[in-house]
Amino acid sequence: MRLRTGIVQEGRAGQVRVLFEDEGITSPWLDVLAAETKGAQAFNRPRPGNLVRVVMDDLAETGVVLGAIYSQADPPPADADTTWTMVFGDGTAISYDETTGTLTLSNAAGADLRIVGQTLTFKGNVAIDGDLTVSGQTTLQGTTINGVGQTGD
């Protein structure tokens, strides 16, 4: 078995083909290592152009892709031990800073952020910087509008 480095050429389902430039060969379809395939799953196959590490047999007939690796051309999106960050191809980003407890969702220009659920509950203050459109019934309790308290039945 050998540890090799190559560039993803194409992908399908949970597999990719990898070009090993130093040897001038392209691998057969190789499985991509996943953290879990039952229960809580995440799918993020390396895309074409990604630099990956592969464990292969000496004849380059079979192996498994361990994952993509960072390089000068493709540096990590964050450099902090206490921050988890995921950036999508369109620039949308999700990050969590466990030091401050801040979860940040940054959507790319023109993208919509949709949260779907039967009931969404926010505990704490909510600030909206922009217009608010409500479709459906609105119930306000303990409300102050422009400094004037409102009372209900």
Protein backbone atom coordinates (compact mmCIF):
# COMPACT_ATOMS: atom_id res chain seq x y z
CA MET A 1 0.00 0.00 0.00
CA ARG A 2 1.18 3.49 -0.85
CA LEU A 3 0.11 6.99 0.11
CA ARG A 4 -0.29 9.09 -3.02
CA THR A 5 -1.33 12.64 -3.86
CA GLY A 6 -3.37 13.47 -6.94
CA ILE A 7 -6.01 15.71 -8.47
CA VAL A 8 -9.67 14.69 -8.77
CA GLN A 9 -10.72 14.41 -12.42
CA GLU A 10 -14.37 13.38 -12.09
CA GLY A 11 -16.86 12.07 -9.56
CA ARG A 12 -19.98 9.93 -9.25
CA ALA A 13 -21.95 9.12 -6.09
CA GLY A 14 -19.33 8.29 -3.40
CA GLN A 15 -16.43 7.78 -5.81
CA VAL A 16 -13.87 9.79 -7.78
CA ARG A 17 -11.16 9.22 -10.38
CA VAL A 18 -7.79 10.76 -9.53
CA LEU A 19 -4.94 11.88 -11.79
CA PHE A 20 -1.47 11.18 -10.43
CA GLU A 21 0.54 13.70 -12.44
CA ASP A 22 3.94 12.43 -11.30
CA GLU A 23 3.15 9.01 -12.80
CA GLY A 24 0.90 10.16 -15.66
CA ILE A 25 -1.91 7.78 -14.71
CA THR A 26 -5.56 8.19 -13.78
CA SER A 27 -6.97 5.87 -11.15
CA PRO A 28 -9.97 3.62 -11.57
CA TRP A 29 -13.09 4.70 -9.63
CA LEU A 30 -12.07 5.01 -5.96
CA ASP A 31 -14.33 5.16 -2.90
CA VAL A 32 -14.19 8.38 -0.88
CA LEU A 33 -13.78 7.89 2.87
CA ALA A 34 -16.83 9.06 4.88
CA ALA A 35 -17.23 9.62 8.61
CA GLU A 36 -20.52 7.69 8.66
CA THR A 37 -22.85 6.06 6.13
CA LYS A 38 -25.82 5.35 8.45
CA GLY A 39 -27.57 7.69 10.84
CA ALA A 40 -26.18 11.24 10.77
CA GLN A 41 -24.66 11.56 7.32
CA ALA A 42 -22.91 14.35 5.48
CA PHE A 43 -21.98 14.20 1.80
CA ASN A 44 -19.17 16.31 0.43
CA ARG A 45 -17.31 14.46 -2.31
CA PRO A 46 -14.12 16.21 -3.49
CA ARG A 47 -14.85 18.08 -6.73
CA PRO A 48 -12.74 17.99 -9.87
CA GLY A 49 -9.58 20.02 -9.31
CA ASN A 50 -9.29 19.15 -5.61
CA LEU A 51 -5.89 17.95 -4.40
CA VAL A 52 -6.48 14.67 -2.52
CA ARG A 53 -4.57 12.01 -0.55
CA VAL A 54 -5.15 8.42 -1.58
CA VAL A 55 -4.07 5.08 -0.15
CA MET A 56 -3.59 2.64 -3.05
CA ASP A 57 -2.15 -0.76 -3.66
CA ASP A 58 1.25 -0.88 -5.36
CA LEU A 59 -0.30 -1.71 -8.75
CA ALA A 60 -2.68 1.32 -8.58
CA GLU A 61 -5.67 -0.98 -9.09
CA THR A 62 -7.62 -0.28 -5.90
CA GLY A 63 -7.60 2.21 -3.07
CA VAL A 64 -9.54 4.79 -1.10
CA VAL A 65 -9.53 8.59 -1.09
CA LEU A 66 -8.78 9.83 2.43
CA GLY A 67 -9.86 13.39 1.65
CA ALA A 68 -8.88 16.70 0.12
CA ILE A 69 -5.83 18.58 1.38
CA TYR A 70 -5.17 22.31 1.60
CA SER A 71 -2.45 23.99 -0.43
CA GLN A 72 -1.16 27.48 -1.21
CA ALA A 73 -3.62 27.60 -4.12
CA ASP A 74 -6.51 26.44 -1.89
CA PRO A 75 -5.87 27.56 1.72
CA PRO A 76 -8.20 26.70 4.63
CA PRO A 77 -11.18 29.09 5.02
CA ALA A 78 -10.27 29.78 8.67
CA ASP A 79 -7.23 29.56 10.90
CA ALA A 80 -8.50 29.21 14.47
CA ASP A 81 -8.58 26.14 16.70
CA THR A 82 -11.94 27.15 18.17
CA THR A 83 -13.76 27.97 14.91
CA TRP A 84 -15.61 25.54 12.64
CA THR A 85 -16.16 26.99 9.15
CA MET A 86 -17.75 25.74 5.95
CA VAL A 87 -17.69 27.84 2.78
CA PHE A 88 -19.66 26.81 -0.30
CA GLY A 89 -18.66 27.40 -3.92
CA ASP A 90 -20.95 30.45 -4.25
CA GLY A 91 -19.41 32.15 -1.20
CA THR A 92 -22.16 31.25 1.29
CA ALA A 93 -20.54 30.46 4.65
CA ILE A 94 -21.47 28.90 7.98
CA SER A 95 -19.13 29.36 10.91
CA TYR A 96 -19.26 28.72 14.63
CA ASP A 97 -16.86 30.28 17.11
CA GLU A 98 -16.98 28.23 20.31
CA THR A 99 -15.02 30.91 22.20
CA THR A 100 -17.79 33.50 21.75
CA GLY A 101 -20.69 31.09 21.10
CA THR A 102 -21.42 32.89 17.82
CA LEU A 103 -23.03 31.03 14.92
CA THR A 104 -22.79 33.03 11.69
CA LEU A 105 -24.66 32.32 8.47
CA SER A 106 -23.45 34.52 5.62
CA ASN A 107 -25.32 34.07 2.39
CA ALA A 108 -23.92 35.02 -0.98
CA ALA A 109 -25.37 38.10 -2.68
CA GLY A 110 -28.86 37.44 -3.96
CA ALA A 111 -29.30 34.15 -2.10
CA ASP A 112 -32.28 33.35 0.14
CA LEU A 113 -31.98 31.95 3.65
CA ARG A 114 -34.88 29.62 4.42
CA ILE A 115 -35.57 27.98 7.75
CA VAL A 116 -38.42 25.49 7.53
CA GLY A 117 -40.30 24.11 10.51
CA GLN A 118 -43.73 23.89 12.05
CA THR A 119 -42.74 26.13 14.98
CA LEU A 120 -39.57 28.18 15.26
CA THR A 121 -38.72 29.45 18.72
CA PHE A 122 -36.12 32.12 19.37
CA LYS A 123 -35.08 32.70 22.99
CA GLY A 124 -33.40 36.05 23.49
CA ASN A 125 -33.54 39.38 21.74
CA VAL A 126 -34.09 39.53 17.99
CA ALA A 127 -32.82 42.42 15.89
CA ILE A 128 -33.85 42.85 12.28
CA ASP A 129 -31.83 45.21 10.10
CA GLY A 130 -34.10 45.56 7.07
CA ASP A 131 -37.73 45.18 6.11
CA LEU A 132 -40.02 42.58 7.70
CA THR A 133 -42.85 40.96 5.77
CA VAL A 134 -45.28 38.72 7.64
CA SER A 135 -47.68 36.46 5.77
CA GLY A 136 -50.38 34.99 8.00
CA GLN A 137 -51.61 35.68 11.54
CA THR A 138 -49.49 37.78 13.90
CA THR A 139 -49.84 37.60 17.69
CA LEU A 140 -48.00 40.20 19.75
CA GLN A 141 -47.70 39.92 23.53
CA GLY A 142 -46.13 42.53 25.82
CA THR A 143 -45.53 44.79 22.84
CA THR A 144 -44.13 48.30 22.68
CA ILE A 145 -44.35 50.18 19.38
CA ASN A 146 -42.50 53.50 19.05
CA GLY A 147 -42.25 53.70 22.85
CA VAL A 148 -45.99 53.13 23.44
CA GLY A 149 -46.97 49.95 25.29
CA GLN A 150 -49.83 47.92 23.86
CA THR A 151 -52.26 45.93 25.95
CA GLY A 152 -54.60 43.21 24.78
CA ASP A 153 -57.56 41.28 26.03
